[in-house]
């Protein structure tokens, strides 16, 4: 079984979204005020990445980027439990702003959820550490988590996947699960390029074999994300 599932990610994204909400005084600020502030803050933040911002303005995509952000917020909101969703003012929260009452209510929910998510992550980390201890060579899986996935290929019974600056070899490999994804190769000179990275990974050791669970993430130019499961089994793992 895998610990770091798509559900785990979805809940973690809820926590991240809630903790990023800005508080506003609903007695002073109107919905129109919040709309204007939301958009202004978004572009101010984006402008800090000069290369990306320049490319976005040149391609006349600024409004598209903002709308994509709102859609991601709406998706995070829609994944909340109904008993939470029904008690908040989603009209402003989707814009990134919550009144004091909603902010406190959501923060309490997020803090409790985060404790559970951290427990699950701890289980995955402990399982991985135990499996790594059985490997004949030093191998720290966490070294590649969060890095771009650049290439994959097989050679006979061996499978290779290049992640960041490292290349992982799974000897005598067998694919247990692979959803229908392909690696989007990052273009260094194109800030609007599609990309694929390794969001999380865990390693299990059972029946004298290693089971590598990868949760890959595809991102597009608007910051949208899609997650994929990829699980392999092999007799050894190492960096080459």
C-alpha atoms as a PDB file:
ATOM      1  CA  UNK A   1       0.000   0.000   0.000  1.00  0.00           C
ATOM      2  CA  UNK A   2       1.113   3.563  -0.613  1.00  0.00           C
ATOM      3  CA  UNK A   3       0.791   6.284   2.023  1.00  0.00           C
ATOM      4  CA  UNK A   4       1.267   9.437  -0.018  1.00  0.00           C
ATOM      5  CA  UNK A   5      -1.790   9.186  -2.232  1.00  0.00           C
ATOM      6  CA  UNK A   6      -3.660  11.680  -4.403  1.00  0.00           C
ATOM      7  CA  UNK A   7      -6.144  12.107  -1.547  1.00  0.00           C
ATOM      8  CA  UNK A   8      -3.254  12.987   0.754  1.00  0.00           C
ATOM      9  CA  UNK A   9      -2.081  15.593  -1.766  1.00  0.00           C
ATOM     10  CA  UNK A  10      -5.581  17.020  -2.162  1.00  0.00           C
ATOM     11  CA  UNK A  11      -5.912  17.456   1.591  1.00  0.00           C
ATOM     12  CA  UNK A  12      -2.443  18.957   1.830  1.00  0.00           C
ATOM     13  CA  UNK A  13      -3.406  21.450  -0.887  1.00  0.00           C
ATOM     14  CA  UNK A  14      -6.454  22.357   1.195  1.00  0.00           C
ATOM     15  CA  UNK A  15      -4.205  23.120   4.164  1.00  0.00           C
ATOM     16  CA  UNK A  16      -1.806  25.144   2.033  1.00  0.00           C
ATOM     17  CA  UNK A  17      -4.663  27.143   0.495  1.00  0.00           C
ATOM     18  CA  UNK A  18      -6.265  27.901   3.867  1.00  0.00           C
ATOM     19  CA  UNK A  19      -2.999  29.014   5.429  1.00  0.00           C
ATOM     20  CA  UNK A  20      -2.438  31.405   2.507  1.00  0.00           C
ATOM     21  CA  UNK A  21      -5.807  33.117   2.923  1.00  0.00           C
ATOM     22  CA  UNK A  22      -5.659  36.796   3.810  1.00  0.00           C
ATOM     23  CA  UNK A  23      -8.059  38.176   6.400  1.00  0.00           C
ATOM     24  CA  UNK A  24     -10.268  41.194   5.670  1.00  0.00           C
ATOM     25  CA  UNK A  25     -12.815  43.229   7.615  1.00  0.00           C
ATOM     26  CA  UNK A  26     -16.179  42.652   5.938  1.00  0.00           C
ATOM     27  CA  UNK A  27     -17.557  45.801   7.615  1.00  0.00           C
ATOM     28  CA  UNK A  28     -15.042  47.948   5.746  1.00  0.00           C
ATOM     29  CA  UNK A  29     -14.251  46.098   2.528  1.00  0.00           C
ATOM     30  CA  UNK A  30     -16.871  45.241  -0.062  1.00  0.00           C
ATOM     31  CA  UNK A  31     -16.794  42.313  -2.478  1.00  0.00           C
ATOM     32  CA  UNK A  32     -15.709  44.684  -5.272  1.00  0.00           C
ATOM     33  CA  UNK A  33     -12.821  45.887  -3.087  1.00  0.00           C
ATOM     34  CA  UNK A  34     -11.729  42.280  -2.562  1.00  0.00           C
ATOM     35  CA  UNK A  35     -11.934  41.539  -6.286  1.00  0.00           C
ATOM     36  CA  UNK A  36      -9.645  44.461  -7.077  1.00  0.00           C
ATOM     37  CA  UNK A  37      -7.196  43.651  -4.285  1.00  0.00           C
ATOM     38  CA  UNK A  38      -7.084  39.971  -5.241  1.00  0.00           C
ATOM     39  CA  UNK A  39      -6.089  40.716  -8.813  1.00  0.00           C
ATOM     40  CA  UNK A  40      -3.632  43.436  -7.828  1.00  0.00           C
ATOM     41  CA  UNK A  41      -1.859  41.180  -5.313  1.00  0.00           C
ATOM     42  CA  UNK A  42      -1.690  38.336  -7.826  1.00  0.00           C
ATOM     43  CA  UNK A  43       0.073  40.418 -10.476  1.00  0.00           C
ATOM     44  CA  UNK A  44       2.336  42.043  -7.888  1.00  0.00           C
ATOM     45  CA  UNK A  45       3.491  38.603  -6.782  1.00  0.00           C
ATOM     46  CA  UNK A  46       3.913  37.381 -10.351  1.00  0.00           C
ATOM     47  CA  UNK A  47       5.985  40.442 -11.306  1.00  0.00           C
ATOM     48  CA  UNK A  48       8.703  39.331  -8.878  1.00  0.00           C
ATOM     49  CA  UNK A  49       9.596  36.629 -11.411  1.00  0.00           C
ATOM     50  CA  UNK A  50      10.686  39.091 -14.103  1.00  0.00           C
ATOM     51  CA  UNK A  51      11.339  36.506 -16.804  1.00  0.00           C
ATOM     52  CA  UNK A  52       7.964  34.811 -16.359  1.00  0.00           C
ATOM     53  CA  UNK A  53       6.074  38.093 -16.035  1.00  0.00           C
ATOM     54  CA  UNK A  54       7.663  39.463 -19.195  1.00  0.00           C
ATOM     55  CA  UNK A  55       6.731  36.329 -21.141  1.00  0.00           C
ATOM     56  CA  UNK A  56       3.164  36.429 -19.828  1.00  0.00           C
ATOM     57  CA  UNK A  57       2.671  40.075 -20.778  1.00  0.00           C
ATOM     58  CA  UNK A  58       4.248  39.534 -24.190  1.00  0.00           C
ATOM     59  CA  UNK A  59       1.898  36.620 -24.891  1.00  0.00           C
ATOM     60  CA  UNK A  60      -1.086  38.614 -23.563  1.00  0.00           C
ATOM     61  CA  UNK A  61      -1.870  35.869 -21.040  1.00  0.00           C
ATOM     62  CA  UNK A  62      -2.028  37.876 -17.810  1.00  0.00           C
ATOM     63  CA  UNK A  63      -5.791  37.598 -17.372  1.00  0.00           C
ATOM     64  CA  UNK A  64      -5.677  33.889 -18.242  1.00  0.00           C
ATOM     65  CA  UNK A  65      -3.124  33.312 -15.487  1.00  0.00           C
ATOM     66  CA  UNK A  66      -5.274  35.079 -12.927  1.00  0.00           C
ATOM     67  CA  UNK A  67      -8.395  33.145 -13.909  1.00  0.00           C
ATOM     68  CA  UNK A  68      -6.432  29.888 -13.670  1.00  0.00           C
ATOM     69  CA  UNK A  69      -5.501  30.864 -10.106  1.00  0.00           C
ATOM     70  CA  UNK A  70      -9.164  31.427  -9.238  1.00  0.00           C
ATOM     71  CA  UNK A  71     -10.081  28.060 -10.767  1.00  0.00           C
ATOM     72  CA  UNK A  72      -7.432  26.326  -8.629  1.00  0.00           C
ATOM     73  CA  UNK A  73      -8.813  28.058  -5.553  1.00  0.00           C
ATOM     74  CA  UNK A  74     -12.324  26.911  -6.471  1.00  0.00           C
ATOM     75  CA  UNK A  75     -11.062  23.355  -6.863  1.00  0.00           C
ATOM     76  CA  UNK A  76      -9.447  23.466  -3.418  1.00  0.00           C
ATOM     77  CA  UNK A  77     -12.700  24.752  -1.946  1.00  0.00           C
ATOM     78  CA  UNK A  78     -14.844  22.134  -3.662  1.00  0.00           C
ATOM     79  CA  UNK A  79     -12.722  19.367  -2.141  1.00  0.00           C
ATOM     80  CA  UNK A  80     -13.532  20.513   1.414  1.00  0.00           C
ATOM     81  CA  UNK A  81     -15.939  18.365   3.452  1.00  0.00           C
ATOM     82  CA  UNK A  82     -19.545  19.500   2.947  1.00  0.00           C
ATOM     83  CA  UNK A  83     -19.941  20.390   6.618  1.00  0.00           C
ATOM     84  CA  UNK A  84     -17.021  22.817   6.248  1.00  0.00           C
ATOM     85  CA  UNK A  85     -17.914  24.163   2.805  1.00  0.00           C
ATOM     86  CA  UNK A  86     -21.505  24.991   3.799  1.00  0.00           C
ATOM     87  CA  UNK A  87     -20.403  27.220   6.697  1.00  0.00           C
ATOM     88  CA  UNK A  88     -18.113  29.646   4.866  1.00  0.00           C
ATOM     89  CA  UNK A  89     -18.428  32.537   2.419  1.00  0.00           C
ATOM     90  CA  UNK A  90     -16.885  30.955  -0.652  1.00  0.00           C
ATOM     91  CA  UNK A  91     -17.495  34.067  -2.762  1.00  0.00           C
ATOM     92  CA  UNK A  92     -14.542  35.929  -1.217  1.00  0.00           C
ATOM     93  CA  UNK A  93     -12.492  32.897  -0.197  1.00  0.00           C
ATOM     94  CA  UNK A  94     -12.128  31.822  -3.824  1.00  0.00           C
ATOM     95  CA  UNK A  95     -10.423  35.192  -4.337  1.00  0.00           C
ATOM     96  CA  UNK A  96      -7.969  34.418  -1.530  1.00  0.00           C
ATOM     97  CA  UNK A  97      -9.624  36.466   1.226  1.00  0.00           C
ATOM     98  CA  UNK A  98     -11.650  35.408   4.274  1.00  0.00           C
ATOM     99  CA  UNK A  99     -13.424  37.338   7.015  1.00  0.00           C
ATOM    100  CA  UNK A 100     -12.148  36.830  10.563  1.00  0.00           C
ATOM    101  CA  UNK A 101     -14.819  34.264  11.443  1.00  0.00           C
ATOM    102  CA  UNK A 102     -14.224  32.150   8.333  1.00  0.00           C
ATOM    103  CA  UNK A 103     -10.437  32.455   8.679  1.00  0.00           C
ATOM    104  CA  UNK A 104     -10.503  31.173  12.272  1.00  0.00           C
ATOM    105  CA  UNK A 105     -12.947  28.370  11.406  1.00  0.00           C
ATOM    106  CA  UNK A 106     -10.927  27.192   8.422  1.00  0.00           C
ATOM    107  CA  UNK A 107      -7.589  27.511  10.218  1.00  0.00           C
ATOM    108  CA  UNK A 108      -8.828  25.283  13.032  1.00  0.00           C
ATOM    109  CA  UNK A 109      -9.929  22.677  10.483  1.00  0.00           C
ATOM    110  CA  UNK A 110      -6.626  22.946   8.583  1.00  0.00           C
ATOM    111  CA  UNK A 111      -4.495  22.601  11.710  1.00  0.00           C
ATOM    112  CA  UNK A 112      -6.301  19.410  12.761  1.00  0.00           C
ATOM    113  CA  UNK A 113      -6.047  18.006   9.246  1.00  0.00           C
ATOM    114  CA  UNK A 114      -2.349  18.840   9.055  1.00  0.00           C
ATOM    115  CA  UNK A 115      -1.653  16.718  12.135  1.00  0.00           C
ATOM    116  CA  UNK A 116      -3.196  13.704  10.406  1.00  0.00           C
ATOM    117  CA  UNK A 117      -1.321  14.385   7.167  1.00  0.00           C
ATOM    118  CA  UNK A 118       1.971  14.625   9.056  1.00  0.00           C
ATOM    119  CA  UNK A 119       1.297  11.275  10.728  1.00  0.00           C
ATOM    120  CA  UNK A 120       0.806   9.689   7.310  1.00  0.00           C
ATOM    121  CA  UNK A 121       3.974  11.333   5.986  1.00  0.00           C
ATOM    122  CA  UNK A 122       5.901  10.034   9.011  1.00  0.00           C
ATOM    123  CA  UNK A 123       4.744   6.493   8.232  1.00  0.00           C
ATOM    124  CA  UNK A 124       5.949   6.859   4.640  1.00  0.00           C
ATOM    125  CA  UNK A 125       9.298   8.267   5.789  1.00  0.00           C
ATOM    126  CA  UNK A 126       9.869   5.478   8.335  1.00  0.00           C
ATOM    127  CA  UNK A 127       8.950   2.799   5.795  1.00  0.00           C
ATOM    128  CA  UNK A 128      11.361   4.376   3.301  1.00  0.00           C
ATOM    129  CA  UNK A 129      14.180   4.628   5.843  1.00  0.00           C
ATOM    130  CA  UNK A 130      13.811   0.945   6.746  1.00  0.00           C
ATOM    131  CA  UNK A 131      13.869  -0.070   3.070  1.00  0.00           C
ATOM    132  CA  UNK A 132      16.919   2.129   2.373  1.00  0.00           C
ATOM    133  CA  UNK A 133      18.832   0.363   5.161  1.00  0.00           C
ATOM    134  CA  UNK A 134      18.513  -2.920   3.265  1.00  0.00           C
ATOM    135  CA  UNK A 135      20.101  -1.500   0.111  1.00  0.00           C
ATOM    136  CA  UNK A 136      23.739  -2.523  -0.470  1.00  0.00           C
ATOM    137  CA  UNK A 137      24.734   1.043  -1.398  1.00  0.00           C
ATOM    138  CA  UNK A 138      23.792   4.351   0.215  1.00  0.00           C
ATOM    139  CA  UNK A 139      20.611   5.643  -1.374  1.00  0.00           C
ATOM    140  CA  UNK A 140      18.593   8.602  -0.061  1.00  0.00           C
ATOM    141  CA  UNK A 141      15.290   8.811  -1.924  1.00  0.00           C
ATOM    142  CA  UNK A 142      14.537  12.268  -0.556  1.00  0.00           C
ATOM    143  CA  UNK A 143      17.447  13.628  -2.643  1.00  0.00           C
ATOM    144  CA  UNK A 144      15.257  13.596  -5.760  1.00  0.00           C
ATOM    145  CA  UNK A 145      11.853  14.575  -4.340  1.00  0.00           C
ATOM    146  CA  UNK A 146      10.773  17.942  -5.724  1.00  0.00           C
ATOM    147  CA  UNK A 147      13.128  17.762  -8.704  1.00  0.00           C
ATOM    148  CA  UNK A 148      12.187  17.883 -12.387  1.00  0.00           C
ATOM    149  CA  UNK A 149      11.781  14.535 -14.120  1.00  0.00           C
ATOM    150  CA  UNK A 150      13.882  14.747 -17.276  1.00  0.00           C
ATOM    151  CA  UNK A 151      14.106  11.342 -18.921  1.00  0.00           C
ATOM    152  CA  UNK A 152      13.252   7.648 -18.636  1.00  0.00           C
ATOM    153  CA  UNK A 153      14.415   4.552 -20.515  1.00  0.00           C
ATOM    154  CA  UNK A 154      15.015   0.839 -20.043  1.00  0.00           C
ATOM    155  CA  UNK A 155      17.955  -1.384 -20.934  1.00  0.00           C
ATOM    156  CA  UNK A 156      17.155  -5.058 -20.749  1.00  0.00           C
ATOM    157  CA  UNK A 157      16.092  -5.827 -17.186  1.00  0.00           C
ATOM    158  CA  UNK A 158      17.077  -2.397 -15.901  1.00  0.00           C
ATOM    159  CA  UNK A 159      15.021   0.775 -15.790  1.00  0.00           C
ATOM    160  CA  UNK A 160      16.473   4.290 -15.558  1.00  0.00           C
ATOM    161  CA  UNK A 161      14.772   7.561 -14.651  1.00  0.00           C
ATOM    162  CA  UNK A 162      16.634  10.861 -14.534  1.00  0.00           C
ATOM    163  CA  UNK A 163      15.367  13.216 -11.843  1.00  0.00           C
ATOM    164  CA  UNK A 164      17.142  16.519 -11.377  1.00  0.00           C
ATOM    165  CA  UNK A 165      20.897  15.880 -11.433  1.00  0.00           C
ATOM    166  CA  UNK A 166      20.550  12.234 -10.443  1.00  0.00           C
ATOM    167  CA  UNK A 167      19.721   9.104 -12.383  1.00  0.00           C
ATOM    168  CA  UNK A 168      17.916   6.300 -10.552  1.00  0.00           C
ATOM    169  CA  UNK A 169      18.486   2.711 -11.639  1.00  0.00           C
ATOM    170  CA  UNK A 170      16.007  -0.040 -10.721  1.00  0.00           C
ATOM    171  CA  UNK A 171      17.567  -3.438 -11.401  1.00  0.00           C
ATOM    172  CA  UNK A 172      15.427  -6.352 -12.631  1.00  0.00           C
ATOM    173  CA  UNK A 173      12.490  -4.002 -12.773  1.00  0.00           C
ATOM    174  CA  UNK A 174       8.795  -4.684 -13.093  1.00  0.00           C
ATOM    175  CA  UNK A 175       6.143  -1.989 -13.536  1.00  0.00           C
ATOM    176  CA  UNK A 176       3.382  -2.524 -10.985  1.00  0.00           C
ATOM    177  CA  UNK A 177       1.292   0.538 -11.811  1.00  0.00           C
ATOM    178  CA  UNK A 178       1.683   3.271 -14.379  1.00  0.00           C
ATOM    179  CA  UNK A 179      -1.016   5.776 -15.140  1.00  0.00           C
ATOM    180  CA  UNK A 180      -1.160   7.257 -18.618  1.00  0.00           C
ATOM    181  CA  UNK A 181       1.421  10.021 -18.341  1.00  0.00           C
ATOM    182  CA  UNK A 182       4.396  11.175 -20.366  1.00  0.00           C
ATOM    183  CA  UNK A 183       7.343  13.250 -19.236  1.00  0.00           C
ATOM    184  CA  UNK A 184       7.166  16.910 -20.244  1.00  0.00           C
ATOM    185  CA  UNK A 185      10.730  18.009 -20.857  1.00  0.00           C
ATOM    186  CA  UNK A 186      11.633  21.351 -19.315  1.00  0.00           C
ATOM    187  CA  UNK A 187      12.928  24.036 -21.667  1.00  0.00           C
ATOM    188  CA  UNK A 188      15.451  26.282 -19.903  1.00  0.00           C
ATOM    189  CA  UNK A 189      14.868  29.202 -22.262  1.00  0.00           C
ATOM    190  CA  UNK A 190      11.066  29.035 -22.093  1.00  0.00           C
ATOM    191  CA  UNK A 191       9.431  30.121 -18.796  1.00  0.00           C
ATOM    192  CA  UNK A 192       6.042  29.027 -20.152  1.00  0.00           C
ATOM    193  CA  UNK A 193       7.098  25.435 -20.772  1.00  0.00           C
ATOM    194  CA  UNK A 194       5.205  22.404 -19.493  1.00  0.00           C
ATOM    195  CA  UNK A 195       7.024  20.399 -16.830  1.00  0.00           C
ATOM    196  CA  UNK A 196       6.982  17.131 -14.887  1.00  0.00           C
ATOM    197  CA  UNK A 197       8.441  16.702 -11.422  1.00  0.00           C
ATOM    198  CA  UNK A 198       8.521  14.198  -8.575  1.00  0.00           C
ATOM    199  CA  UNK A 199       6.060  15.366  -5.917  1.00  0.00           C
ATOM    200  CA  UNK A 200       6.601  12.540  -3.442  1.00  0.00           C
ATOM    201  CA  UNK A 201       8.175   9.098  -3.245  1.00  0.00           C
ATOM    202  CA  UNK A 202       8.295   6.187  -0.852  1.00  0.00           C
ATOM    203  CA  UNK A 203      10.215   2.929  -0.824  1.00  0.00           C
ATOM    204  CA  UNK A 204       8.999  -0.392   0.598  1.00  0.00           C
ATOM    205  CA  UNK A 205      11.000  -3.583   1.116  1.00  0.00           C
ATOM    206  CA  UNK A 206       9.056  -6.829   0.994  1.00  0.00           C
ATOM    207  CA  UNK A 207       9.729 -10.377  -0.200  1.00  0.00           C
ATOM    208  CA  UNK A 208      13.400  -9.570  -0.927  1.00  0.00           C
ATOM    209  CA  UNK A 209      12.349  -6.867  -3.421  1.00  0.00           C
ATOM    210  CA  UNK A 210      12.057  -3.108  -3.355  1.00  0.00           C
ATOM    211  CA  UNK A 211       8.815  -1.381  -4.279  1.00  0.00           C
ATOM    212  CA  UNK A 212       9.216   2.231  -5.386  1.00  0.00           C
ATOM    213  CA  UNK A 213       6.082   4.382  -5.264  1.00  0.00           C
ATOM    214  CA  UNK A 214       6.371   7.628  -7.210  1.00  0.00           C
ATOM    215  CA  UNK A 215       3.765  10.374  -7.295  1.00  0.00           C
ATOM    216  CA  UNK A 216       4.551  12.500 -10.330  1.00  0.00           C
ATOM    217  CA  UNK A 217       3.096  15.897 -11.047  1.00  0.00           C
ATOM    218  CA  UNK A 218       2.546  17.568 -14.411  1.00  0.00           C
ATOM    219  CA  UNK A 219       2.343  21.353 -14.460  1.00  0.00           C
ATOM    220  CA  UNK A 220       1.253  23.673 -17.231  1.00  0.00           C
ATOM    221  CA  UNK A 221       1.948  27.321 -17.971  1.00  0.00           C
ATOM    222  CA  UNK A 222      -1.007  28.425 -15.833  1.00  0.00           C
ATOM    223  CA  UNK A 223       0.148  26.616 -12.700  1.00  0.00           C
ATOM    224  CA  UNK A 224      -2.419  23.836 -13.007  1.00  0.00           C
ATOM    225  CA  UNK A 225      -1.304  20.466 -11.677  1.00  0.00           C
ATOM    226  CA  UNK A 226      -2.150  16.871 -12.447  1.00  0.00           C
ATOM    227  CA  UNK A 227      -0.894  13.925 -10.428  1.00  0.00           C
ATOM    228  CA  UNK A 228       0.108  10.473 -11.650  1.00  0.00           C
ATOM    229  CA  UNK A 229       0.916   7.190  -9.913  1.00  0.00           C
ATOM    230  CA  UNK A 230       3.985   5.267 -11.034  1.00  0.00           C
ATOM    231  CA  UNK A 231       5.065   2.171  -9.080  1.00  0.00           C
ATOM    232  CA  UNK A 232       7.980  -0.120  -9.894  1.00  0.00           C
ATOM    233  CA  UNK A 233       9.481  -3.194  -8.257  1.00  0.00           C
ATOM    234  CA  UNK A 234      13.087  -4.331  -8.476  1.00  0.00           C
ATOM    235  CA  UNK A 235      15.880  -6.225  -6.740  1.00  0.00           C
ATOM    236  CA  UNK A 236      18.031  -3.133  -6.180  1.00  0.00           C
ATOM    237  CA  UNK A 237      18.002   0.669  -6.415  1.00  0.00           C
ATOM    238  CA  UNK A 238      20.973   2.960  -6.815  1.00  0.00           C
ATOM    239  CA  UNK A 239      22.102   6.273  -8.239  1.00  0.00           C
ATOM    240  CA  UNK A 240      24.304   5.980 -11.327  1.00  0.00           C
END
